[in-house]
C-alpha cells in the first residue's frame, strides 16, 4: 500500500532515455550531427544504467 507513493527509479531512467533519443532524432533531422552524436552517447550511458537498475 505504501509502495504506491514511492518513486520508481527505473521508470524515471526510462523516461529520460526516451527524451534523449527524441532530442537526438530532432538534432539529426536538423542536420546537427555533432549534437546528435553527443545525445546518443548520453542515451547509451542512460541505457546501461537502466539495464543495471533492472537487474537489481
N, C-alpha and C. Protein backbone atom coordinates (compact mmCIF):
# COMPACT_ATOMS: atom_id res chain seq x y z
N UNK A 1 0.82 -1.19 0.00
CA UNK A 1 0.00 0.00 0.00
C UNK A 1 0.86 1.25 0.00
N UNK A 2 1.92 1.25 0.79
CA UNK A 2 2.76 2.43 0.86
C UNK A 2 3.70 2.54 -0.34
N UNK A 3 3.85 1.46 -1.09
CA UNK A 3 4.67 1.48 -2.29
C UNK A 3 4.04 2.31 -3.41
N UNK A 4 2.79 2.65 -3.25
CA UNK A 4 2.08 3.42 -4.26
C UNK A 4 2.70 4.80 -4.46
N UNK A 5 3.20 5.40 -3.40
CA UNK A 5 3.71 6.76 -3.48
C UNK A 5 5.22 6.84 -3.63
N UNK A 6 5.89 5.70 -3.71
CA UNK A 6 7.34 5.69 -3.89
C UNK A 6 7.67 5.91 -5.36
N UNK A 7 8.75 6.65 -5.60
CA UNK A 7 9.16 6.86 -6.98
C UNK A 7 9.89 5.62 -7.49
N UNK A 8 9.75 5.37 -8.76
CA UNK A 8 10.37 4.21 -9.38
C UNK A 8 11.58 4.69 -10.18
N UNK A 9 12.80 4.38 -9.75
CA UNK A 9 13.99 4.87 -10.46
C UNK A 9 14.10 4.31 -11.87
N UNK A 10 13.63 3.10 -12.09
CA UNK A 10 13.70 2.50 -13.43
C UNK A 10 12.81 3.28 -14.39
N UNK A 11 11.64 3.63 -13.92
CA UNK A 11 10.69 4.37 -14.76
C UNK A 11 11.25 5.75 -15.10
N UNK A 12 11.89 6.40 -14.14
CA UNK A 12 12.48 7.72 -14.37
C UNK A 12 13.63 7.63 -15.37
N UNK A 13 14.47 6.61 -15.24
CA UNK A 13 15.58 6.44 -16.19
C UNK A 13 15.06 6.16 -17.59
N UNK A 14 14.01 5.36 -17.69
CA UNK A 14 13.45 5.04 -19.00
C UNK A 14 12.87 6.29 -19.67
N UNK A 15 12.22 7.11 -18.88
CA UNK A 15 11.65 8.35 -19.41
C UNK A 15 12.75 9.30 -19.90
N UNK A 16 13.82 9.43 -19.13
CA UNK A 16 14.95 10.28 -19.51
C UNK A 16 15.63 9.72 -20.75
N UNK A 17 15.76 8.41 -20.84
CA UNK A 17 16.36 7.76 -22.00
C UNK A 17 15.55 8.06 -23.27
N UNK A 18 14.24 7.95 -23.16
CA UNK A 18 13.38 8.23 -24.31
C UNK A 18 13.46 9.70 -24.72
N UNK A 19 13.58 10.60 -23.74
CA UNK A 19 13.74 12.03 -24.03
C UNK A 19 15.03 12.30 -24.80
N UNK A 20 16.11 11.65 -24.38
CA UNK A 20 17.40 11.82 -25.06
C UNK A 20 17.32 11.31 -26.49
N UNK A 21 16.68 10.17 -26.69
CA UNK A 21 16.55 9.62 -28.04
C UNK A 21 15.75 10.55 -28.94
N UNK A 22 14.69 11.10 -28.40
CA UNK A 22 13.87 12.01 -29.20
C UNK A 22 14.63 13.29 -29.55
N UNK A 23 15.38 13.82 -28.59
CA UNK A 23 16.19 15.01 -28.86
C UNK A 23 17.27 14.71 -29.89
N UNK A 24 17.86 13.52 -29.82
CA UNK A 24 18.88 13.13 -30.80
C UNK A 24 18.27 13.01 -32.19
N UNK A 25 17.07 12.48 -32.28
CA UNK A 25 16.41 12.35 -33.57
C UNK A 25 16.13 13.73 -34.17
N UNK A 26 15.67 14.66 -33.34
CA UNK A 26 15.40 16.01 -33.83
C UNK A 26 16.68 16.70 -34.29
N UNK A 27 17.77 16.50 -33.56
CA UNK A 27 19.05 17.08 -33.95
C UNK A 27 19.52 16.50 -35.28
N UNK A 28 19.33 15.20 -35.46
CA UNK A 28 19.73 14.55 -36.70
C UNK A 28 18.91 15.09 -37.87
N UNK A 29 17.64 15.26 -37.68
CA UNK A 29 16.78 15.77 -38.76
C UNK A 29 17.12 17.21 -39.12
N UNK A 30 17.64 17.96 -38.15
CA UNK A 30 18.04 19.34 -38.42
C UNK A 30 19.46 19.42 -38.99
N UNK A 31 20.13 18.29 -39.10
CA UNK A 31 21.46 18.26 -39.68
C UNK A 31 22.58 18.53 -38.70
N UNK A 32 22.28 18.56 -37.42
CA UNK A 32 23.29 18.82 -36.40
C UNK A 32 23.83 17.47 -35.89
N UNK A 33 24.78 16.93 -36.63
CA UNK A 33 25.28 15.60 -36.33
C UNK A 33 26.12 15.55 -35.06
N UNK A 34 26.78 16.64 -34.74
CA UNK A 34 27.59 16.67 -33.51
C UNK A 34 26.70 16.54 -32.27
N UNK A 35 25.63 17.32 -32.25
CA UNK A 35 24.69 17.24 -31.12
C UNK A 35 24.03 15.87 -31.08
N UNK A 36 23.70 15.36 -32.25
CA UNK A 36 23.10 14.03 -32.33
C UNK A 36 24.03 12.99 -31.72
N UNK A 37 25.30 13.07 -32.05
CA UNK A 37 26.28 12.12 -31.52
C UNK A 37 26.41 12.25 -30.00
N UNK A 38 26.46 13.48 -29.51
CA UNK A 38 26.56 13.71 -28.06
C UNK A 38 25.34 13.16 -27.33
N UNK A 39 24.16 13.41 -27.88
CA UNK A 39 22.93 12.94 -27.24
C UNK A 39 22.82 11.42 -27.27
N UNK A 40 23.28 10.81 -28.36
CA UNK A 40 23.24 9.35 -28.44
C UNK A 40 24.21 8.72 -27.45
N UNK A 41 25.35 9.37 -27.23
CA UNK A 41 26.30 8.88 -26.23
C UNK A 41 25.68 8.95 -24.83
N UNK A 42 25.02 10.06 -24.53
CA UNK A 42 24.35 10.19 -23.24
C UNK A 42 23.23 9.17 -23.10
N UNK A 43 22.49 8.95 -24.19
CA UNK A 43 21.40 7.97 -24.16
C UNK A 43 21.94 6.57 -23.92
N UNK A 44 23.09 6.26 -24.52
CA UNK A 44 23.70 4.95 -24.33
C UNK A 44 24.10 4.74 -22.87
N UNK A 45 24.65 5.77 -22.24
CA UNK A 45 25.01 5.68 -20.83
C UNK A 45 23.77 5.47 -19.96
N UNK A 46 22.69 6.19 -20.29
CA UNK A 46 21.44 6.01 -19.55
C UNK A 46 20.89 4.60 -19.72
N UNK A 47 21.02 4.06 -20.93
CA UNK A 47 20.54 2.71 -21.20
C UNK A 47 21.30 1.68 -20.37
N UNK A 48 22.61 1.88 -20.26
CA UNK A 48 23.42 0.97 -19.45
C UNK A 48 23.00 1.03 -17.98
N UNK A 49 22.75 2.24 -17.48
CA UNK A 49 22.28 2.40 -16.10
C UNK A 49 20.90 1.77 -15.92
N UNK A 50 20.06 1.92 -16.93
CA UNK A 50 18.71 1.34 -16.89
C UNK A 50 18.79 -0.18 -16.79
N UNK A 51 19.63 -0.79 -17.60
CA UNK A 51 19.79 -2.25 -17.54
C UNK A 51 20.32 -2.69 -16.18
N UNK A 52 21.25 -1.92 -15.65
CA UNK A 52 21.82 -2.24 -14.34
C UNK A 52 20.75 -2.16 -13.25
N UNK A 53 19.89 -1.14 -13.31
CA UNK A 53 18.83 -0.98 -12.31
C UNK A 53 17.80 -2.11 -12.42
N UNK A 54 17.52 -2.55 -13.64
CA UNK A 54 16.53 -3.60 -13.83
C UNK A 54 17.03 -4.94 -13.30
N UNK A 55 18.34 -5.15 -13.33
CA UNK A 55 18.89 -6.41 -12.84
C UNK A 55 18.87 -6.48 -11.32
N UNK A 56 18.86 -5.35 -10.66
CA UNK A 56 18.88 -5.33 -9.19
C UNK A 56 17.53 -5.60 -8.59
